[in-house]
PDB file of N, CA and C in Angstrom:
ATOM      1  N   ILE A   1       2.026   2.166   9.719  1.00  0.00           N
ATOM      2  CA  ILE A   1       2.048   3.567   9.905  1.00  0.00           C
ATOM      3  C   ILE A   1       0.712   3.989   9.501  1.00  0.00           C
ATOM      4  N   ASP A   2      -0.125   4.733  10.311  1.00  0.00           N
ATOM      5  CA  ASP A   2      -1.370   5.447   9.897  1.00  0.00           C
ATOM      6  C   ASP A   2      -0.967   6.841   9.688  1.00  0.00           C
ATOM      7  N   TYR A   3      -1.749   7.235   8.460  1.00  0.00           N
ATOM      8  CA  TYR A   3      -1.614   8.632   7.982  1.00  0.00           C
ATOM      9  C   TYR A   3      -3.112   9.256   7.660  1.00  0.00           C
ATOM     10  N   ALA A   4      -3.393  10.040   8.821  1.00  0.00           N
ATOM     11  CA  ALA A   4      -4.620  10.652   8.538  1.00  0.00           C
ATOM     12  C   ALA A   4      -4.879  11.475   7.358  1.00  0.00           C
ATOM     13  N   ALA A   5      -5.958  11.458   6.527  1.00  0.00           N
ATOM     14  CA  ALA A   5      -6.068  12.230   5.337  1.00  0.00           C
ATOM     15  C   ALA A   5      -7.691  12.121   5.026  1.00  0.00           C
ATOM     16  N   PRO A   6      -8.032  13.087   4.362  1.00  0.00           N
ATOM     17  CA  PRO A   6      -9.499  13.286   4.026  1.00  0.00           C
ATOM     18  C   PRO A   6      -9.967  12.048   3.018  1.00  0.00           C
ATOM     19  N   ARG A   7     -11.009  11.520   3.302  1.00  0.00           N
ATOM     20  CA  ARG A   7     -11.640  10.411   2.418  1.00  0.00           C
ATOM     21  C   ARG A   7     -11.614  10.813   1.026  1.00  0.00           C
ATOM     22  N   GLY A   8     -11.221  10.055   0.199  1.00  0.00           N
ATOM     23  CA  GLY A   8     -10.913  10.299  -1.408  1.00  0.00           C
ATOM     24  C   GLY A   8      -9.774  10.907  -1.809  1.00  0.00           C
ATOM     25  N   THR A   9      -8.652  11.074  -0.644  1.00  0.00           N
ATOM     26  CA  THR A   9      -7.317  11.483  -1.230  1.00  0.00           C
ATOM     27  C   THR A   9      -6.855  10.514  -1.872  1.00  0.00           C
ATOM     28  N   ASP A  10      -5.995  10.731  -3.096  1.00  0.00           N
ATOM     29  CA  ASP A  10      -5.247   9.571  -3.887  1.00  0.00           C
ATOM     30  C   ASP A  10      -4.046   8.907  -2.971  1.00  0.00           C
ATOM     31  N   VAL A  11      -4.074   7.529  -3.287  1.00  0.00           N
ATOM     32  CA  VAL A  11      -3.235   7.040  -2.681  1.00  0.00           C
ATOM     33  C   VAL A  11      -2.159   6.394  -3.869  1.00  0.00           C
ATOM     34  N   PHE A  12      -0.966   6.569  -3.871  1.00  0.00           N
ATOM     35  CA  PHE A  12       0.184   6.173  -4.779  1.00  0.00           C
ATOM     36  C   PHE A  12       0.987   5.053  -4.336  1.00  0.00           C
ATOM     37  N   ALA A  13       1.464   4.357  -5.317  1.00  0.00           N
ATOM     38  CA  ALA A  13       2.387   3.223  -5.060  1.00  0.00           C
ATOM     39  C   ALA A  13       3.882   3.896  -4.555  1.00  0.00           C
ATOM     40  N   ALA A  14       4.347   3.337  -3.381  1.00  0.00           N
ATOM     41  CA  ALA A  14       5.439   3.750  -2.935  1.00  0.00           C
ATOM     42  C   ALA A  14       6.857   3.318  -3.859  1.00  0.00           C
ATOM     43  N   ALA A  15       6.649   2.205  -4.507  1.00  0.00           N
ATOM     44  CA  ALA A  15       7.641   1.600  -5.259  1.00  0.00           C
ATOM     45  C   ALA A  15       7.126   0.754  -6.288  1.00  0.00           C
ATOM     46  N   ALA A  16       7.747   0.525  -7.440  1.00  0.00           N
ATOM     47  CA  ALA A  16       7.286  -0.184  -8.501  1.00  0.00           C
ATOM     48  C   ALA A  16       6.902  -1.833  -8.175  1.00  0.00           C
ATOM     49  N   GLY A  17       6.299  -2.356  -8.760  1.00  0.00           N
ATOM     50  CA  GLY A  17       6.028  -3.901  -8.342  1.00  0.00           C
ATOM     51  C   GLY A  17       4.582  -4.382  -9.215  1.00  0.00           C
ATOM     52  N   ARG A  18       4.285  -5.575  -8.533  1.00  0.00           N
ATOM     53  CA  ARG A  18       3.294  -6.234  -8.908  1.00  0.00           C
ATOM     54  C   ARG A  18       2.015  -6.475  -7.933  1.00  0.00           C
ATOM     55  N   VAL A  19       0.925  -6.112  -8.313  1.00  0.00           N
ATOM     56  CA  VAL A  19      -0.201  -6.026  -7.351  1.00  0.00           C
ATOM     57  C   VAL A  19      -0.549  -7.557  -7.042  1.00  0.00           C
ATOM     58  N   ILE A  20      -0.502  -8.025  -5.901  1.00  0.00           N
ATOM     59  CA  ILE A  20      -0.723  -9.607  -5.656  1.00  0.00           C
ATOM     60  C   ILE A  20      -2.146  -9.609  -4.924  1.00  0.00           C
ATOM     61  N   ARG A  21      -2.610  -8.620  -4.320  1.00  0.00           N
ATOM     62  CA  ARG A  21      -3.954  -8.479  -3.614  1.00  0.00           C
ATOM     63  C   ARG A  21      -4.653  -7.200  -3.988  1.00  0.00           C
ATOM     64  N   ALA A  22      -6.013  -7.261  -4.130  1.00  0.00           N
ATOM     65  CA  ALA A  22      -6.632  -5.780  -4.336  1.00  0.00           C
ATOM     66  C   ALA A  22      -7.886  -6.250  -4.078  1.00  0.00           C
ATOM     67  N   GLY A  23      -8.812  -5.259  -3.315  1.00  0.00           N
ATOM     68  CA  GLY A  23     -10.212  -5.204  -3.042  1.00  0.00           C
ATOM     69  C   GLY A  23     -10.201  -5.707  -1.535  1.00  0.00           C
ATOM     70  N   ARG A  24     -11.396  -6.326  -1.247  1.00  0.00           N
ATOM     71  CA  ARG A  24     -11.637  -6.546   0.173  1.00  0.00           C
ATOM     72  C   ARG A  24     -10.765  -7.412   0.840  1.00  0.00           C
ATOM     73  N   SER A  25     -10.411  -7.092   1.970  1.00  0.00           N
ATOM     74  CA  SER A  25      -9.195  -7.961   2.640  1.00  0.00           C
ATOM     75  C   SER A  25      -9.772  -9.202   3.280  1.00  0.00           C
ATOM     76  N   GLY A  26     -11.029  -9.150   3.852  1.00  0.00           N
ATOM     77  CA  GLY A  26     -11.609 -10.089   4.591  1.00  0.00           C
ATOM     78  C   GLY A  26     -11.033 -10.183   6.008  1.00  0.00           C
ATOM     79  N   SER A  27     -10.431  -9.155   6.575  1.00  0.00           N
ATOM     80  CA  SER A  27     -10.039  -8.956   7.763  1.00  0.00           C
ATOM     81  C   SER A  27     -10.146  -7.389   8.183  1.00  0.00           C
ATOM     82  N   GLY A  28      -9.603  -6.982   9.281  1.00  0.00           N
ATOM     83  CA  GLY A  28      -9.805  -5.686   9.819  1.00  0.00           C
ATOM     84  C   GLY A  28      -9.140  -4.564   8.685  1.00  0.00           C
ATOM     85  N   TYR A  29      -8.463  -4.927   7.667  1.00  0.00           N
ATOM     86  CA  TYR A  29      -7.942  -3.789   6.765  1.00  0.00           C
ATOM     87  C   TYR A  29      -8.765  -3.399   5.733  1.00  0.00           C
ATOM     88  N   GLY A  30     -10.069  -3.995   5.668  1.00  0.00           N
ATOM     89  CA  GLY A  30     -11.193  -3.263   4.788  1.00  0.00           C
ATOM     90  C   GLY A  30     -10.614  -3.628   3.353  1.00  0.00           C
ATOM     91  N   ASN A  31     -10.846  -2.468   2.620  1.00  0.00           N
ATOM     92  CA  ASN A  31     -10.316  -2.652   1.169  1.00  0.00           C
ATOM     93  C   ASN A  31      -8.822  -2.239   1.061  1.00  0.00           C
ATOM     94  N   TRP A  32      -8.080  -3.156   0.544  1.00  0.00           N
ATOM     95  CA  TRP A  32      -6.423  -3.058   0.530  1.00  0.00           C
ATOM     96  C   TRP A  32      -5.906  -3.389  -0.682  1.00  0.00           C
ATOM     97  N   VAL A  33      -4.809  -3.087  -0.870  1.00  0.00           N
ATOM     98  CA  VAL A  33      -3.739  -3.196  -2.092  1.00  0.00           C
ATOM     99  C   VAL A  33      -2.659  -3.932  -1.412  1.00  0.00           C
ATOM    100  N   VAL A  34      -2.014  -4.950  -1.879  1.00  0.00           N
ATOM    101  CA  VAL A  34      -0.711  -5.563  -1.680  1.00  0.00           C
ATOM    102  C   VAL A  34       0.212  -5.569  -2.803  1.00  0.00           C
ATOM    103  N   ILE A  35       1.351  -5.062  -2.717  1.00  0.00           N
ATOM    104  CA  ILE A  35       1.956  -4.846  -3.796  1.00  0.00           C
ATOM    105  C   ILE A  35       3.517  -5.599  -3.612  1.00  0.00           C
ATOM    106  N   GLU A  36       3.893  -6.545  -4.415  1.00  0.00           N
ATOM    107  CA  GLU A  36       5.093  -7.423  -4.310  1.00  0.00           C
ATOM    108  C   GLU A  36       6.140  -6.603  -5.034  1.00  0.00           C
ATOM    109  N   HIS A  37       7.331  -6.488  -4.553  1.00  0.00           N
ATOM    110  CA  HIS A  37       8.442  -5.711  -5.062  1.00  0.00           C
ATOM    111  C   HIS A  37       9.725  -6.619  -4.903  1.00  0.00           C
ATOM    112  N   ALA A  38      10.776  -6.215  -5.436  1.00  0.00           N
ATOM    113  CA  ALA A  38      11.936  -6.987  -5.505  1.00  0.00           C
ATOM    114  C   ALA A  38      12.333  -7.627  -4.090  1.00  0.00           C
ATOM    115  N   ASP A  39      13.167  -8.720  -4.013  1.00  0.00           N
ATOM    116  CA  ASP A  39      13.602  -9.180  -2.759  1.00  0.00           C
ATOM    117  C   ASP A  39      12.744  -9.629  -1.701  1.00  0.00           C
ATOM    118  N   GLY A  40      11.602  -9.830  -2.016  1.00  0.00           N
ATOM    119  CA  GLY A  40      10.695 -10.240  -0.953  1.00  0.00           C
ATOM    120  C   GLY A  40      10.032  -9.197  -0.305  1.00  0.00           C
ATOM    121  N   LEU A  41      10.172  -7.945  -0.878  1.00  0.00           N
ATOM    122  CA  LEU A  41       9.597  -6.729  -0.089  1.00  0.00           C
ATOM    123  C   LEU A  41       8.132  -6.497  -0.722  1.00  0.00           C
ATOM    124  N   GLN A  42       7.015  -6.310   0.386  1.00  0.00           N
ATOM    125  CA  GLN A  42       5.635  -6.136   0.074  1.00  0.00           C
ATOM    126  C   GLN A  42       5.356  -4.804   0.708  1.00  0.00           C
ATOM    127  N   THR A  43       4.476  -4.107  -0.010  1.00  0.00           N
ATOM    128  CA  THR A  43       3.859  -2.701   0.631  1.00  0.00           C
ATOM    129  C   THR A  43       2.236  -3.000   0.686  1.00  0.00           C
ATOM    130  N   ILE A  44       1.825  -2.561   1.849  1.00  0.00           N
ATOM    131  CA  ILE A  44       0.315  -2.736   2.060  1.00  0.00           C
ATOM    132  C   ILE A  44      -0.340  -1.448   2.273  1.00  0.00           C
ATOM    133  N   TYR A  45      -1.571  -1.197   1.520  1.00  0.00           N
ATOM    134  CA  TYR A  45      -2.161   0.157   1.656  1.00  0.00           C
ATOM    135  C   TYR A  45      -3.714  -0.318   2.156  1.00  0.00           C
ATOM    136  N   ALA A  46      -3.977   0.114   3.290  1.00  0.00           N
ATOM    137  CA  ALA A  46      -5.460  -0.458   3.670  1.00  0.00           C
ATOM    138  C   ALA A  46      -6.406   0.750   4.257  1.00  0.00           C
ATOM    139  N   HIS A  47      -7.449   0.271   4.293  1.00  0.00           N
ATOM    140  CA  HIS A  47      -8.721   1.045   4.733  1.00  0.00           C
ATOM    141  C   HIS A  47      -9.122   2.077   3.399  1.00  0.00           C
ATOM    142  N   LEU A  48      -8.944   1.512   2.288  1.00  0.00           N
ATOM    143  CA  LEU A  48      -9.078   2.324   1.069  1.00  0.00           C
ATOM    144  C   LEU A  48     -10.581   2.413   0.950  1.00  0.00           C
ATOM    145  N   SER A  49     -11.192   3.781   0.352  1.00  0.00           N
ATOM    146  CA  SER A  49     -12.489   3.894  -0.005  1.00  0.00           C
ATOM    147  C   SER A  49     -12.790   3.158  -1.651  1.00  0.00           C
ATOM    148  N   SER A  50     -11.573   3.174  -2.271  1.00  0.00           N
ATOM    149  CA  SER A  50     -11.704   2.629  -3.577  1.00  0.00           C
ATOM    150  C   SER A  50     -10.319   2.156  -3.869  1.00  0.00           C
ATOM    151  N   VAL A  51     -10.284   1.102  -4.752  1.00  0.00           N
ATOM    152  CA  VAL A  51      -9.266   0.367  -5.192  1.00  0.00           C
ATOM    153  C   VAL A  51      -9.186   0.572  -6.709  1.00  0.00           C
ATOM    154  N   ASP A  52      -8.151   1.159  -7.180  1.00  0.00           N
ATOM    155  CA  ASP A  52      -7.935   1.340  -8.626  1.00  0.00           C
ATOM    156  C   ASP A  52      -7.206   0.453  -9.472  1.00  0.00           C
ATOM    157  N   VAL A  53      -6.599  -0.756  -8.867  1.00  0.00           N
ATOM    158  CA  VAL A  53      -5.721  -1.728  -9.684  1.00  0.00           C
ATOM    159  C   VAL A  53      -6.389  -3.098  -9.328  1.00  0.00           C
ATOM    160  N   ASP A  54      -5.993  -4.004 -10.054  1.00  0.00           N
ATOM    161  CA  ASP A  54      -6.216  -5.500  -9.799  1.00  0.00           C
ATOM    162  C   ASP A  54      -5.067  -6.345  -9.643  1.00  0.00           C
ATOM    163  N   ALA A  55      -5.419  -7.508  -8.876  1.00  0.00           N
ATOM    164  CA  ALA A  55      -4.304  -8.482  -8.844  1.00  0.00           C
ATOM    165  C   ALA A  55      -3.776  -8.527 -10.076  1.00  0.00           C
ATOM    166  N   GLY A  56      -2.609  -8.906 -10.136  1.00  0.00           N
ATOM    167  CA  GLY A  56      -1.633  -9.105 -11.302  1.00  0.00           C
ATOM    168  C   GLY A  56      -1.240  -8.010 -12.221  1.00  0.00           C
ATOM    169  N   ASP A  57      -1.724  -6.647 -11.872  1.00  0.00           N
ATOM    170  CA  ASP A  57      -1.499  -5.500 -12.405  1.00  0.00           C
ATOM    171  C   ASP A  57       0.053  -5.340 -12.113  1.00  0.00           C
ATOM    172  N   ARG A  58       0.856  -4.638 -12.996  1.00  0.00           N
ATOM    173  CA  ARG A  58       1.982  -3.966 -12.643  1.00  0.00           C
ATOM    174  C   ARG A  58       2.031  -2.443 -12.474  1.00  0.00           C
ATOM    175  N   VAL A  59       2.619  -2.009 -11.139  1.00  0.00           N
ATOM    176  CA  VAL A  59       2.651  -0.622 -10.928  1.00  0.00           C
ATOM    177  C   VAL A  59       3.908  -0.126 -11.143  1.00  0.00           C
ATOM    178  N   ARG A  60       4.013   1.199 -11.227  1.00  0.00           N
ATOM    179  CA  ARG A  60       5.211   2.003 -11.112  1.00  0.00           C
ATOM    180  C   ARG A  60       5.174   2.833  -9.948  1.00  0.00           C
ATOM    181  N   THR A  61       6.462   3.507  -9.532  1.00  0.00           N
ATOM    182  CA  THR A  61       6.417   4.371  -8.398  1.00  0.00           C
ATOM    183  C   THR A  61       5.428   5.386  -8.678  1.00  0.00           C
ATOM    184  N   GLY A  62       4.753   5.823  -7.710  1.00  0.00           N
ATOM    185  CA  GLY A  62       3.730   6.923  -8.152  1.00  0.00           C
ATOM    186  C   GLY A  62       2.406   6.759  -8.514  1.00  0.00           C
ATOM    187  N   ASP A  63       2.307   5.625  -9.301  1.00  0.00           N
ATOM    188  CA  ASP A  63       0.989   5.175  -9.835  1.00  0.00           C
ATOM    189  C   ASP A  63      -0.090   5.328  -8.883  1.00  0.00           C
ATOM    190  N   LYS A  64      -1.323   5.963  -9.293  1.00  0.00           N
ATOM    191  CA  LYS A  64      -2.379   5.844  -8.374  1.00  0.00           C
ATOM    192  C   LYS A  64      -2.969   4.490  -8.167  1.00  0.00           C
ATOM    193  N   ILE A  65      -3.254   3.999  -6.936  1.00  0.00           N
ATOM    194  CA  ILE A  65      -3.717   2.682  -6.887  1.00  0.00           C
ATOM    195  C   ILE A  65      -5.114   2.594  -5.917  1.00  0.00           C
ATOM    196  N   GLY A  66      -5.572   3.847  -5.438  1.00  0.00           N
ATOM    197  CA  GLY A  66      -6.869   3.644  -4.812  1.00  0.00           C
ATOM    198  C   GLY A  66      -6.950   5.367  -4.265  1.00  0.00           C
ATOM    199  N   GLU A  67      -7.922   5.304  -3.174  1.00  0.00           N
ATOM    200  CA  GLU A  67      -8.118   6.407  -2.356  1.00  0.00           C
ATOM    201  C   GLU A  67      -8.405   6.274  -0.921  1.00  0.00           C
ATOM    202  N   VAL A  68      -8.012   7.116  -0.115  1.00  0.00           N
ATOM    203  CA  VAL A  68      -8.055   6.983   1.484  1.00  0.00           C
ATOM    204  C   VAL A  68      -9.643   6.625   1.700  1.00  0.00           C
ATOM    205  N   GLY A  69      -9.973   5.935   2.708  1.00  0.00           N
ATOM    206  CA  GLY A  69     -11.215   5.777   3.236  1.00  0.00           C
ATOM    207  C   GLY A  69     -11.105   5.158   4.746  1.00  0.00           C
ATOM    208  N   SER A  70     -12.173   4.573   5.034  1.00  0.00           N
ATOM    209  CA  SER A  70     -12.443   4.220   6.429  1.00  0.00           C
ATOM    210  C   SER A  70     -12.930   2.794   6.490  1.00  0.00           C
ATOM    211  N   THR A  71     -12.548   1.973   5.774  1.00  0.00           N
ATOM    212  CA  THR A  71     -13.176   0.543   5.492  1.00  0.00           C
ATOM    213  C   THR A  71     -12.404  -0.195   6.648  1.00  0.00           C
ATOM    214  N   GLY A  72     -13.269  -1.419   6.896  1.00  0.00           N
ATOM    215  CA  GLY A  72     -12.599  -2.427   7.769  1.00  0.00           C
ATOM    216  C   GLY A  72     -12.749  -1.932   9.220  1.00  0.00           C
ATOM    217  N   ARG A  73     -11.786  -2.322  10.240  1.00  0.00           N
ATOM    218  CA  ARG A  73     -11.823  -1.685  11.552  1.00  0.00           C
ATOM    219  C   ARG A  73     -11.071  -0.400  11.522  1.00  0.00           C
ATOM    220  N   SER A  74     -11.793   0.710  11.309  1.00  0.00           N
ATOM    221  CA  SER A  74     -11.404   2.011  11.273  1.00  0.00           C
ATOM    222  C   SER A  74     -12.223   2.880  11.889  1.00  0.00           C
ATOM    223  N   THR A  75     -11.547   3.924  12.793  1.00  0.00           N
ATOM    224  CA  THR A  75     -12.342   4.947  13.295  1.00  0.00           C
ATOM    225  C   THR A  75     -12.563   6.214  12.641  1.00  0.00           C
ATOM    226  N   GLY A  76     -11.845   6.409  11.326  1.00  0.00           N
ATOM    227  CA  GLY A  76     -11.992   7.583  10.741  1.00  0.00           C
ATOM    228  C   GLY A  76     -10.991   7.172   9.385  1.00  0.00           C
ATOM    229  N   PRO A  77     -11.224   8.216   8.391  1.00  0.00           N
ATOM    230  CA  PRO A  77     -10.392   8.068   7.166  1.00  0.00           C
ATOM    231  C   PRO A  77      -8.759   8.227   7.553  1.00  0.00           C
ATOM    232  N   HIS A  78      -8.256   7.130   6.959  1.00  0.00           N
ATOM    233  CA  HIS A  78      -6.783   7.354   7.084  1.00  0.00           C
ATOM    234  C   HIS A  78      -6.278   6.233   6.084  1.00  0.00           C
ATOM    235  N   LEU A  79      -5.046   6.435   5.804  1.00  0.00           N
ATOM    236  CA  LEU A  79      -4.173   5.139   5.068  1.00  0.00           C
ATOM    237  C   LEU A  79      -3.223   4.521   6.023  1.00  0.00           C
ATOM    238  N   HIS A  80      -3.528   3.253   6.138  1.00  0.00           N
ATOM    239  CA  HIS A  80      -2.632   2.283   6.802  1.00  0.00           C
ATOM    240  C   HIS A  80      -1.535   1.942   5.989  1.00  0.00           C
ATOM    241  N   PHE A  81      -0.314   2.294   6.201  1.00  0.00           N
ATOM    242  CA  PHE A  81       0.617   1.765   5.021  1.00  0.00           C
ATOM    243  C   PHE A  81       1.741   0.782   5.965  1.00  0.00           C
ATOM    244  N   GLU A  82       1.883  -0.171   5.267  1.00  0.00           N
ATOM    245  CA  GLU A  82       2.790  -1.270   6.045  1.00  0.00           C
ATOM    246  C   GLU A  82       3.798  -1.730   4.938  1.00  0.00           C
ATOM    247  N   VAL A  83       4.884  -2.027   5.422  1.00  0.00           N
ATOM    248  CA  VAL A  83       6.162  -2.865   4.566  1.00  0.00           C
ATOM    249  C   VAL A  83       6.447  -4.203   5.146  1.00  0.00           C
ATOM    250  N   ARG A  84       6.497  -5.073   4.505  1.00  0.00           N
ATOM    251  CA  ARG A  84       6.950  -6.347   5.009  1.00  0.00           C
ATOM    252  C   ARG A  84       8.164  -6.887   4.201  1.00  0.00           C
ATOM    253  N   GLN A  85       8.962  -7.499   4.809  1.00  0.00           N
ATOM    254  CA  GLN A  85      10.147  -8.278   4.242  1.00  0.00           C
ATOM    255  C   GLN A  85      10.004  -9.601   4.392  1.00  0.00           C
ATOM    256  N   ASP A  86      10.000 -10.482   3.506  1.00  0.00           N
ATOM    257  CA  ASP A  86       9.718 -12.017   3.670  1.00  0.00           C
ATOM    258  C   ASP A  86       8.471 -12.174   4.686  1.00  0.00           C
ATOM    259  N   ASN A  87       7.508 -11.497   4.629  1.00  0.00           N
ATOM    260  CA  ASN A  87       6.327 -11.742   5.470  1.00  0.00           C
ATOM    261  C   ASN A  87       6.600 -11.270   7.010  1.00  0.00           C
ATOM    262  N   ARG A  88       7.548 -10.480   7.123  1.00  0.00           N
ATOM    263  CA  ARG A  88       7.693  -9.829   8.314  1.00  0.00           C
ATOM    264  C   ARG A  88       7.750  -8.201   8.416  1.00  0.00           C
ATOM    265  N   ALA A  89       6.955  -7.675   9.245  1.00  0.00           N
ATOM    266  CA  ALA A  89       6.802  -6.235   9.319  1.00  0.00           C
ATOM    267  C   ALA A  89       8.299  -5.661   9.597  1.00  0.00           C
ATOM    268  N   VAL A  90       8.515  -4.503   8.726  1.00  0.00           N
ATOM    269  CA  VAL A  90       9.992  -3.889   8.813  1.00  0.00           C
ATOM    270  C   VAL A  90       9.617  -2.395   8.907  1.00  0.00           C
ATOM    271  N   ASP A  91      10.426  -1.771   9.341  1.00  0.00           N
ATOM    272  CA  ASP A  91      10.357  -0.227   9.330  1.00  0.00           C
ATOM    273  C   ASP A  91      10.268   0.419   7.890  1.00  0.00           C
ATOM    274  N   PRO A  92       9.217   1.189   7.584  1.00  0.00           N
ATOM    275  CA  PRO A  92       8.945   1.498   6.335  1.00  0.00           C
ATOM    276  C   PRO A  92       9.949   2.830   5.817  1.00  0.00           C
ATOM    277  N   GLN A  93      10.392   3.529   6.789  1.00  0.00           N
ATOM    278  CA  GLN A  93      11.068   4.771   6.341  1.00  0.00           C
ATOM    279  C   GLN A  93      12.290   4.545   5.279  1.00  0.00           C
ATOM    280  N   PRO A  94      12.949   3.350   5.380  1.00  0.00           N
ATOM    281  CA  PRO A  94      14.047   3.345   4.047  1.00  0.00           C
ATOM    282  C   PRO A  94      13.328   3.299   2.900  1.00  0.00           C
ATOM    283  N   LEU A  95      12.177   2.755   2.629  1.00  0.00           N
ATOM    284  CA  LEU A  95      11.537   2.764   1.324  1.00  0.00           C
ATOM    285  C   LEU A  95      11.190   4.162   1.032  1.00  0.00           C
ATOM    286  N   LEU A  96      10.556   4.919   2.211  1.00  0.00           N
ATOM    287  CA  LEU A  96      10.026   6.191   1.915  1.00  0.00           C
ATOM    288  C   LEU A  96      11.040   7.187   1.543  1.00  0.00           C
ATOM    289  N   ASP A  97      12.207   6.949   2.189  1.00  0.00           N
ATOM    290  CA  ASP A  97      13.391   7.797   1.970  1.00  0.00           C
ATOM    291  C   ASP A  97      14.136   7.454   0.634  1.00  0.00           C
ATOM    292  N   GLY A  98      13.744   6.375   0.103  1.00  0.00           N
ATOM    293  CA  GLY A  98      14.372   5.686  -1.147  1.00  0.00           C
ATOM    294  C   GLY A  98      15.725   5.239  -1.014  1.00  0.00           C
ATOM    295  N   THR A  99      16.018   4.743   0.143  1.00  0.00           N
ATOM    296  CA  THR A  99      17.339   3.918   0.595  1.00  0.00           C
ATOM    297  C   THR A  99      17.137   2.601   0.773  1.00  0.00           C
ATOM    298  N   ALA A 100      15.929   1.923   0.420  1.00  0.00           N
ATOM    299  CA  ALA A 100      15.775   0.705   0.536  1.00  0.00           C
ATOM    300  C   ALA A 100      16.416  -0.062  -0.753  1.00  0.00           C
ATOM    301  N   GLY A 101      16.911  -1.259  -0.598  1.00  0.00           N
ATOM    302  CA  GLY A 101      17.672  -1.995  -1.582  1.00  0.00           C
ATOM    303  C   GLY A 101      16.411  -2.894  -2.379  1.00  0.00           C
ATOM    304  N   GLY A 102      16.692  -3.069  -3.781  1.00  0.00           N
ATOM    305  CA  GLY A 102      16.021  -3.992  -4.399  1.00  0.00           C
ATOM    306  C   GLY A 102      14.805  -3.150  -5.227  1.00  0.00           C
ATOM    307  N   ALA A 103      14.020  -2.495  -4.746  1.00  0.00           N
ATOM    308  CA  ALA A 103      12.808  -1.993  -5.565  1.00  0.00           C
ATOM    309  C   ALA A 103      13.246  -0.554  -6.048  1.00  0.00           C
ATOM    310  N   ASP A 104      12.438  -0.283  -6.879  1.00  0.00           N
ATOM    311  CA  ASP A 104      12.453   1.188  -7.626  1.00  0.00           C
ATOM    312  C   ASP A 104      11.768   2.019  -6.604  1.00  0.00           C
ATOM    313  N   ASN A 105      12.828   2.908  -5.920  1.00  0.00           N
ATOM    314  CA  ASN A 105      12.127   3.552  -4.570  1.00  0.00           C
ATOM    315  C   ASN A 105      12.275   5.010  -4.813  1.00  0.00           C
ATOM    316  N   ARG A 106      11.671   5.668  -5.784  1.00  0.00           N
ATOM    317  CA  ARG A 106      11.739   7.215  -5.926  1.00  0.00           C
ATOM    318  C   ARG A 106      10.607   7.621  -5.298  1.00  0.00           C
ATOM    319  N   ALA A 107      10.097   7.169  -4.097  1.00  0.00           N
ATOM    320  CA  ALA A 107       8.865   7.547  -3.506  1.00  0.00           C
ATOM    321  C   ALA A 107       8.940   9.048  -2.954  1.00  0.00           C
TER     322      ALA A 107
END
């Protein structure tokens, strides 16, 4: 899902977990953060102008992890938000609604 927002808008963790990637993605995602949650769930936050966490950090729901940008293959400032279950893209809405199992989902 892409969310249009002004460059520099704060980006927060949707659920508690451990940061497994942070910084330059080496792909079209530009600057990104990948958080691993319970039960094989991962959240991806891409095209960030800044990254405020490091790989290995533990984050809680609502912790600031970066700021909206337009890095990588991007035509303007926005947040690309993706949810993966066992490395497969899944509908992010249950996590955003707080109905996904396993993770601390008070997003």
